N, C-alpha and C. Protein backbone atom coordinates (compact mmCIF):
# COMPACT_ATOMS: atom_id res chain seq x y z
N MET A 1 -24.31 7.65 -33.53
CA MET A 1 -22.51 7.99 -33.33
C MET A 1 -22.12 7.64 -32.06
N ALA A 2 -20.90 6.97 -31.85
CA ALA A 2 -20.23 6.61 -30.63
C ALA A 2 -19.96 7.94 -29.83
N PRO A 3 -20.14 7.82 -28.65
CA PRO A 3 -19.49 8.94 -27.65
C PRO A 3 -17.93 8.77 -27.67
N THR A 4 -17.44 10.02 -27.66
CA THR A 4 -15.88 10.11 -27.62
C THR A 4 -15.30 10.34 -26.32
N ALA A 5 -14.08 9.88 -25.93
CA ALA A 5 -13.44 9.87 -24.83
C ALA A 5 -12.90 11.37 -24.71
N ASP A 6 -12.92 12.04 -23.41
CA ASP A 6 -12.47 13.23 -23.17
C ASP A 6 -10.95 13.71 -23.15
N PRO A 7 -10.32 14.33 -23.89
CA PRO A 7 -8.90 14.10 -24.21
C PRO A 7 -8.19 14.95 -22.81
N ASN A 8 -8.99 15.65 -22.15
CA ASN A 8 -8.61 16.28 -20.81
C ASN A 8 -9.78 16.17 -19.66
N PRO A 9 -9.60 14.98 -19.23
CA PRO A 9 -10.66 14.74 -18.43
C PRO A 9 -10.20 15.36 -16.75
N SER A 10 -11.17 16.00 -16.20
CA SER A 10 -10.77 16.62 -14.85
C SER A 10 -10.67 15.65 -13.92
N LEU A 11 -9.62 15.65 -13.00
CA LEU A 11 -9.47 14.58 -11.72
C LEU A 11 -10.30 15.12 -10.80
N PRO A 12 -10.89 13.99 -10.19
CA PRO A 12 -11.92 14.17 -9.07
C PRO A 12 -11.14 14.61 -7.80
N THR A 13 -11.86 15.57 -7.16
CA THR A 13 -11.41 16.42 -5.95
C THR A 13 -12.26 16.07 -4.75
N SER A 14 -11.74 15.96 -3.82
CA SER A 14 -12.59 15.92 -2.25
C SER A 14 -13.31 17.04 -2.03
N ASN A 15 -13.80 16.99 -0.71
CA ASN A 15 -14.47 18.08 -0.40
C ASN A 15 -13.84 19.29 0.11
N ASP A 16 -12.33 18.91 0.26
CA ASP A 16 -11.81 20.15 0.84
C ASP A 16 -10.97 20.64 -0.38
N GLY A 17 -11.00 20.15 -1.72
CA GLY A 17 -10.53 20.68 -2.92
C GLY A 17 -9.19 20.02 -3.10
N THR A 18 -8.63 19.11 -2.30
CA THR A 18 -7.50 18.36 -2.67
C THR A 18 -7.53 17.46 -3.61
N ASP A 19 -6.72 16.84 -4.28
CA ASP A 19 -6.66 15.83 -5.17
C ASP A 19 -7.11 14.52 -4.92
N ALA A 20 -8.26 13.96 -5.08
CA ALA A 20 -8.84 12.80 -4.43
C ALA A 20 -8.24 11.59 -4.95
N THR A 21 -7.57 11.49 -6.14
CA THR A 21 -6.83 10.29 -6.74
C THR A 21 -5.70 10.01 -5.93
N LYS A 22 -5.02 10.78 -5.10
CA LYS A 22 -3.75 10.33 -4.36
C LYS A 22 -4.40 9.46 -3.32
N ALA A 23 -3.61 8.22 -3.16
CA ALA A 23 -3.92 7.51 -2.14
C ALA A 23 -3.63 7.87 -0.53
N LYS A 24 -4.46 7.21 0.32
CA LYS A 24 -4.10 7.68 1.74
C LYS A 24 -3.94 6.38 2.27
N GLY A 25 -2.81 6.41 3.22
CA GLY A 25 -2.47 4.87 3.74
C GLY A 25 -2.67 4.97 5.34
N PRO A 26 -2.19 3.86 5.69
CA PRO A 26 -2.29 3.93 7.45
C PRO A 26 -1.52 4.79 8.05
N ALA A 27 -0.44 5.41 7.41
CA ALA A 27 0.50 6.27 7.99
C ALA A 27 -0.33 7.67 8.18
N SER A 28 -1.61 7.95 7.46
CA SER A 28 -2.27 9.18 7.49
C SER A 28 -3.37 8.94 8.53
N GLY A 29 -3.52 7.56 8.94
CA GLY A 29 -4.58 7.56 10.05
C GLY A 29 -5.94 7.47 9.33
N ASP A 30 -6.11 7.19 8.08
CA ASP A 30 -7.43 7.16 7.38
C ASP A 30 -8.12 5.78 7.31
N ILE A 31 -7.03 4.67 7.72
CA ILE A 31 -7.79 3.38 7.69
C ILE A 31 -7.94 2.94 9.10
N PRO A 32 -8.96 2.56 9.60
CA PRO A 32 -9.09 2.05 10.95
C PRO A 32 -8.47 0.99 11.08
N GLU A 33 -7.87 0.35 12.68
CA GLU A 33 -7.14 -0.47 12.64
C GLU A 33 -7.79 -1.87 12.24
N GLY A 34 -8.94 -2.09 12.32
CA GLY A 34 -9.81 -3.26 12.22
C GLY A 34 -9.90 -3.60 10.88
N PHE A 35 -9.74 -2.75 9.79
CA PHE A 35 -9.69 -2.88 8.25
C PHE A 35 -8.48 -3.40 7.68
N LEU A 36 -7.38 -3.27 8.55
CA LEU A 36 -5.98 -3.59 7.89
C LEU A 36 -5.88 -5.01 7.88
N PRO A 37 -5.39 -5.65 6.93
CA PRO A 37 -5.14 -7.48 6.66
C PRO A 37 -4.20 -7.73 7.73
N PRO A 38 -4.35 -8.62 8.51
CA PRO A 38 -3.30 -9.16 9.53
C PRO A 38 -1.88 -9.52 8.94
N VAL A 39 -1.01 -9.66 9.62
CA VAL A 39 0.49 -9.75 9.37
C VAL A 39 0.87 -11.27 9.98
N PHE A 40 1.36 -12.10 9.12
CA PHE A 40 1.50 -13.36 9.75
C PHE A 40 2.96 -13.80 9.38
N ASP A 41 3.50 -14.38 10.33
CA ASP A 41 5.07 -14.78 10.15
C ASP A 41 5.00 -15.97 9.51
N ASP A 42 4.14 -16.66 9.44
CA ASP A 42 4.14 -17.89 8.89
C ASP A 42 3.54 -17.81 7.14
N PRO A 43 4.26 -18.06 6.28
CA PRO A 43 3.67 -18.24 5.04
C PRO A 43 2.32 -19.12 4.90
N TYR A 44 2.50 -20.11 5.39
CA TYR A 44 1.32 -21.06 5.23
C TYR A 44 -0.03 -20.36 5.55
N LYS A 45 0.17 -19.79 6.95
CA LYS A 45 -1.05 -19.44 7.65
C LYS A 45 -1.57 -18.14 6.88
N ALA A 46 -0.89 -17.54 6.13
CA ALA A 46 -0.98 -16.31 5.28
C ALA A 46 -1.85 -16.84 4.11
N GLN A 47 -1.21 -18.00 3.44
CA GLN A 47 -1.96 -18.79 2.21
C GLN A 47 -3.26 -19.09 2.66
N GLN A 48 -3.32 -19.80 3.89
CA GLN A 48 -4.47 -20.08 4.46
C GLN A 48 -5.50 -18.83 4.42
N PHE A 49 -5.26 -17.88 5.37
CA PHE A 49 -6.27 -16.66 5.27
C PHE A 49 -6.68 -16.32 3.96
N LEU A 50 -5.70 -16.06 2.91
CA LEU A 50 -6.07 -15.73 1.60
C LEU A 50 -7.16 -16.81 0.98
N LYS A 51 -7.08 -17.97 1.19
CA LYS A 51 -7.70 -18.96 0.54
C LYS A 51 -9.22 -19.05 1.22
N VAL A 52 -9.45 -18.90 2.53
CA VAL A 52 -10.61 -18.47 2.94
C VAL A 52 -11.34 -17.24 2.58
N ARG A 53 -10.59 -16.15 2.56
CA ARG A 53 -11.14 -14.87 1.91
C ARG A 53 -11.58 -14.96 1.02
N LEU A 54 -10.63 -15.69 -0.33
CA LEU A 54 -11.19 -15.96 -1.68
C LEU A 54 -12.48 -16.92 -1.63
N ALA A 55 -12.81 -17.72 -1.08
CA ALA A 55 -13.56 -18.83 -0.88
C ALA A 55 -15.09 -17.86 -0.43
N LEU A 56 -14.87 -16.78 0.48
CA LEU A 56 -15.90 -16.00 0.91
C LEU A 56 -16.18 -15.23 -0.23
N ALA A 57 -15.21 -14.48 -0.82
CA ALA A 57 -15.78 -13.64 -2.00
C ALA A 57 -16.37 -14.44 -3.19
N PHE A 58 -16.13 -15.87 -3.66
CA PHE A 58 -16.61 -16.32 -4.54
C PHE A 58 -18.30 -16.64 -3.96
N ARG A 59 -18.52 -16.82 -2.63
CA ARG A 59 -19.78 -17.09 -2.01
C ARG A 59 -20.63 -15.73 -2.35
N ILE A 60 -20.29 -14.54 -2.05
CA ILE A 60 -20.55 -13.52 -2.13
C ILE A 60 -21.03 -13.25 -3.69
N PHE A 61 -20.15 -13.46 -4.49
CA PHE A 61 -20.50 -13.16 -5.89
C PHE A 61 -21.50 -14.13 -6.44
N ALA A 62 -21.46 -15.39 -6.03
CA ALA A 62 -22.58 -16.32 -6.25
C ALA A 62 -23.86 -15.83 -5.96
N LYS A 63 -23.91 -15.16 -4.64
CA LYS A 63 -25.47 -14.91 -4.04
C LYS A 63 -25.86 -13.82 -4.76
N HIS A 64 -24.89 -12.89 -5.49
CA HIS A 64 -25.59 -11.91 -6.31
C HIS A 64 -25.67 -11.92 -7.83
N GLY A 65 -25.33 -13.53 -8.21
CA GLY A 65 -25.64 -13.99 -9.57
C GLY A 65 -24.55 -13.98 -10.36
N PHE A 66 -23.35 -13.46 -9.89
CA PHE A 66 -22.06 -13.67 -10.39
C PHE A 66 -21.22 -14.87 -10.71
N ASP A 67 -21.63 -15.97 -10.64
CA ASP A 67 -21.17 -17.42 -10.63
C ASP A 67 -21.25 -18.04 -12.20
N GLU A 68 -21.62 -17.29 -13.13
CA GLU A 68 -21.76 -18.21 -14.64
C GLU A 68 -20.44 -17.58 -15.28
N GLY A 69 -19.58 -18.52 -15.77
CA GLY A 69 -18.27 -18.23 -16.76
C GLY A 69 -17.65 -17.09 -16.15
N VAL A 70 -17.20 -16.29 -16.93
CA VAL A 70 -15.97 -15.57 -16.48
C VAL A 70 -16.31 -14.44 -15.61
N ALA A 71 -17.91 -14.13 -15.47
CA ALA A 71 -18.24 -13.55 -14.49
C ALA A 71 -17.89 -13.60 -12.73
N GLY A 72 -17.74 -14.92 -12.58
CA GLY A 72 -17.20 -15.15 -11.22
C GLY A 72 -15.88 -15.32 -11.16
N HIS A 73 -14.93 -14.75 -11.98
CA HIS A 73 -13.75 -14.85 -12.04
C HIS A 73 -12.87 -13.98 -10.81
N ILE A 74 -12.30 -14.61 -9.92
CA ILE A 74 -11.70 -13.69 -8.77
C ILE A 74 -10.49 -14.60 -8.56
N THR A 75 -9.26 -13.43 -8.64
CA THR A 75 -7.90 -14.28 -8.45
C THR A 75 -7.36 -13.56 -7.31
N VAL A 76 -6.55 -14.25 -6.54
CA VAL A 76 -5.73 -13.94 -5.49
C VAL A 76 -4.23 -14.37 -5.67
N ARG A 77 -3.33 -13.56 -5.56
CA ARG A 77 -1.94 -13.77 -5.53
C ARG A 77 -1.35 -14.07 -4.12
N VAL A 78 -0.58 -15.48 -4.16
CA VAL A 78 -0.07 -16.06 -3.02
C VAL A 78 1.31 -15.89 -3.18
């Protein structure tokens, strides 16, 4: 018999008991400065940045064996 989905799943909570599904952004100071993507004035420089990051992601996927068929499918929106 196949497992059934729980109709009332419990939401994950953080260690302090608050709802862990709520996103925390840079305004709350949770993301360090070095982890935020750079902001570009030139759209072509932004596109080049994304292409380089996409190529790096493909290399990481290939290194871990996710390079056959759709297993290596990664999309970036420009």
